[in-house]
Protein backbone atom coordinates (compact mmCIF):
# COMPACT_ATOMS: atom_id res chain seq x y z
CA MET A 1 15.64 48.43 51.13
CA SER A 2 19.15 47.16 51.73
CA VAL A 3 21.42 48.68 54.39
CA GLU A 4 23.97 49.56 51.34
CA SER A 5 20.96 51.41 49.63
CA ALA A 6 20.02 53.27 52.96
CA LEU A 7 23.33 54.24 53.51
CA ALA A 8 24.19 55.93 50.19
CA GLU A 9 20.66 57.54 50.38
CA PHE A 10 21.80 59.09 54.12
CA LEU A 11 25.49 59.78 52.73
CA ASP A 12 24.03 61.37 49.04
CA HIS A 13 21.65 63.47 51.68
CA THR A 14 24.05 64.55 53.99
CA GLN A 15 26.85 65.52 51.59
CA LYS A 16 24.19 67.77 49.92
CA ALA A 17 23.15 69.47 52.63
CA TYR A 18 26.66 69.63 54.02
CA PRO A 19 29.37 69.57 51.25
CA ASP A 20 32.09 70.73 53.28
CA LEU A 21 32.88 67.71 55.43
CA ARG A 22 35.89 67.86 57.33
CA ALA A 23 37.98 66.00 59.69
CA PRO A 24 41.12 66.91 62.60
CA TYR A 25 43.95 65.94 60.60
CA ASP A 26 46.54 63.14 61.69
CA PRO A 27 49.78 62.56 59.66
CA ASP A 28 49.93 59.50 61.43
CA TRP A 29 46.03 58.33 61.25
CA ARG A 30 45.54 58.83 57.55
CA SER A 31 42.41 57.71 55.88
CA PRO A 32 41.53 56.73 52.21
CA CYS A 33 38.61 59.12 52.26
CA GLU A 34 40.67 62.07 52.55
CA ILE A 35 40.74 64.71 49.83
CA GLY A 36 43.55 67.53 48.96
CA GLU A 37 46.00 68.60 51.89
CA PRO A 38 45.37 69.57 55.14
CA PHE A 39 44.76 73.27 56.30
CA GLU A 40 44.86 75.31 58.97
CA THR A 41 41.74 76.73 60.93
CA ASP A 42 40.82 78.43 64.12
CA GLU A 43 39.80 74.76 65.20
CA GLY A 44 43.40 73.34 64.05
CA LEU A 45 44.82 71.53 61.12
CA LEU A 46 41.91 70.14 59.25
CA ILE A 47 41.80 67.41 56.16
CA SER A 48 38.36 67.29 54.01
CA TRP A 49 36.61 63.84 53.02
CA ARG A 50 33.94 62.24 51.46
CA PRO A 51 32.69 58.64 52.15
CA LYS A 52 34.85 56.48 49.91
CA ASN A 53 33.21 53.17 48.82
CA ARG A 54 34.91 49.81 50.32
CA ASN A 55 35.36 46.54 48.41
CA PRO A 56 32.28 44.95 50.16
CA ALA A 57 33.96 41.54 50.33
CA SER A 58 36.60 43.21 53.00
CA ALA A 59 33.69 43.48 55.80
CA ALA A 60 34.14 39.33 55.74
CA GLU A 61 37.70 39.74 56.45
CA ASP A 62 37.13 42.63 58.72
CA PHE A 63 34.83 40.31 61.11
CA ALA A 64 36.45 37.22 60.71
CA PRO A 65 38.54 37.60 63.70
CA LEU A 66 35.61 38.64 65.97
CA GLU A 67 33.68 35.55 64.73
CA ARG A 68 36.57 33.19 65.42
CA ALA A 69 37.19 34.96 69.07
CA LEU A 70 33.61 34.66 69.96
CA GLU A 71 32.73 31.64 68.01
CA VAL A 72 29.96 33.36 66.35
CA SER A 73 28.65 34.63 62.89
CA ILE A 74 28.02 38.44 62.77
CA HIS A 75 24.88 39.62 61.13
CA PRO A 76 25.09 40.49 57.47
CA ASP A 77 23.37 43.74 57.91
CA ILE A 78 26.47 44.99 60.55
CA LYS A 79 28.96 43.50 57.82
CA ALA A 80 27.21 45.73 55.40
CA TYR A 81 27.26 48.56 57.50
CA TRP A 82 30.62 48.96 58.40
CA GLY A 83 32.20 47.18 55.30
CA ALA A 84 30.57 50.02 53.07
CA TYR A 85 32.81 53.09 53.75
CA TRP A 86 35.64 54.74 54.60
CA ALA A 87 34.44 57.80 56.53
CA ALA A 88 34.72 60.24 59.67
CA GLY A 89 31.23 60.31 61.84
CA LEU A 90 28.09 61.68 60.82
CA GLU A 91 25.60 63.56 62.62
CA ALA A 92 22.05 62.85 62.45
CA GLU A 93 18.08 63.15 63.64
CA ALA A 94 16.25 59.97 64.33
CA VAL A 95 12.48 59.60 65.45
CA ASP A 96 13.79 59.45 68.87
CA GLY A 97 16.51 62.11 68.91
CA HIS A 98 20.07 62.81 68.10
CA VAL A 99 22.44 60.03 66.39
CA SER A 100 26.32 59.92 65.74
CA LEU A 101 26.63 57.09 63.01
CA LEU A 102 30.31 55.94 63.70
CA PHE A 103 32.12 54.46 59.97
CA ALA A 104 35.65 52.99 59.65
CA TRP A 105 38.20 55.55 59.27
CA ASN A 106 41.12 53.50 58.13
CA PRO A 107 42.08 49.57 58.32
CA GLU A 108 43.71 50.46 61.58
CA ASP A 109 40.05 51.84 62.88
CA VAL A 110 39.07 48.29 61.66
CA GLU A 111 41.32 46.72 64.10
CA ARG A 112 40.25 48.67 66.81
CA LEU A 113 36.52 48.32 66.04
CA ASN A 114 37.15 44.76 66.49
CA GLU A 115 38.94 45.00 69.69
CA ASN A 116 36.06 47.32 70.74
CA LEU A 117 33.65 44.63 69.84
CA ILE A 118 35.35 41.90 71.80
CA GLY A 119 35.62 44.25 74.76
CA HIS A 120 31.64 45.03 74.11
CA ALA A 121 31.11 40.93 74.24
CA LEU A 122 33.16 40.61 77.47
CA ALA A 123 31.38 43.61 79.31
CA LYS A 124 28.10 42.07 78.76
CA LYS A 125 29.65 38.87 79.66
CA VAL A 126 28.18 37.08 76.74
CA PRO A 127 29.36 33.31 76.61
CA LYS A 128 30.94 31.86 73.80
CA GLY A 129 27.78 31.51 71.06
CA GLY A 130 25.71 33.75 72.98
CA ARG A 131 23.30 36.53 72.34
CA MET A 132 25.02 39.54 71.25
CA SER A 133 24.97 42.75 69.29
CA VAL A 134 27.55 44.90 67.19
CA PHE A 135 27.32 48.73 67.91
CA PHE A 136 27.09 51.40 65.20
CA ALA A 137 26.30 54.78 66.80
CA CYS A 138 25.82 56.78 69.63
CA THR A 139 23.12 58.62 71.16
CA GLU A 140 23.11 62.36 73.03
CA PRO A 141 26.79 63.63 73.14
CA ASP A 142 26.42 63.51 77.08
CA SER A 143 24.83 59.88 77.16
CA ASP A 144 26.28 56.73 77.75
CA LEU A 145 23.93 55.09 75.51
CA PHE A 146 24.29 53.84 72.23
CA LEU A 147 22.76 51.78 68.95
CA SER A 148 23.43 48.23 67.69
CA VAL A 149 22.55 45.45 66.03
CA ASP A 150 21.27 42.40 67.32
CA TYR A 151 23.42 39.51 65.64
CA ASP A 152 20.25 37.33 65.65
CA SER A 153 17.22 39.01 64.54
CA GLY A 154 19.01 41.93 62.96
CA ALA A 155 16.74 44.23 65.31
CA VAL A 156 18.39 48.24 66.23
CA LEU A 157 18.90 47.91 69.53
CA LEU A 158 19.24 51.19 72.44
CA GLU A 159 21.62 49.81 74.47
CA LYS A 160 23.79 51.17 77.47
CA PRO A 161 27.16 49.54 78.18
CA GLY A 162 26.86 46.17 80.37
CA PHE A 163 23.45 45.93 80.58
CA LYS A 164 20.77 44.28 78.58
CA PRO A 165 19.46 46.34 75.78
CA VAL A 166 17.03 48.84 77.19
CA ARG A 167 14.57 48.74 74.31
CA LYS A 168 14.20 48.01 70.29
CA VAL A 169 14.59 51.04 67.76
CA ALA A 170 14.05 49.29 64.54
CA THR A 171 13.14 45.81 63.35
CA ASP A 172 16.20 46.29 60.99
CA LEU A 173 19.06 48.51 60.48
CA ALA A 174 18.03 49.40 56.60
CA SER A 175 14.28 50.65 57.87
CA PHE A 176 16.30 52.59 60.77
CA LEU A 177 18.97 54.16 58.28
CA ALA A 178 16.05 55.22 56.03
CA THR A 179 14.36 57.59 58.49
CA LEU A 180 17.48 59.50 59.49
CA VAL A 181 17.65 62.95 58.50
CA PRO A 182 21.30 64.48 58.12
CA ARG A 183 22.39 67.48 60.76
CA PRO A 184 25.35 69.27 60.54
CA PRO A 185 28.61 67.47 60.81
CA GLN A 186 30.93 67.73 64.11
CA LEU A 187 34.63 66.96 64.19
CA HIS A 188 35.35 63.47 64.80
CA PRO A 189 38.61 62.86 65.73
């Protein structure tokens, strides 16, 4: 199974279980995945959204600045993941517990992602061409642990900022995504 098909299957299950996806509305932070007009609720001004397919070729462009800055090649699985959809964050249950999947909301979010990934590399003090990972999910809300994909092997790792990986969670991203069970979405700014 590919990352694209595992992710598409998870998103399909999520939308069937939770058809009313919504996010905080920000007129200065629009997304191609937004649907309709913003509406007022007790939670504030919200907008409905649905994951929207991206151009797969855009992932190569998305990560080009990072690859140049760090003089490395990003693993194809992470390009496939981040390049697949415009979306807000989604919640899931993994074998080991709660997971909040992260996605790019808009093109500006992709720029911010690259800046964060460069910061992640610097926090790990990775030398140019050194071993690196790219994050794609958070764990429990009160935890500073996150999930990433190792550039070289493609393995899914549990990590803490600035430290070596805690442990390997899965051999590859597609098999990890295939195990996820959708959970009620939370609002992601």
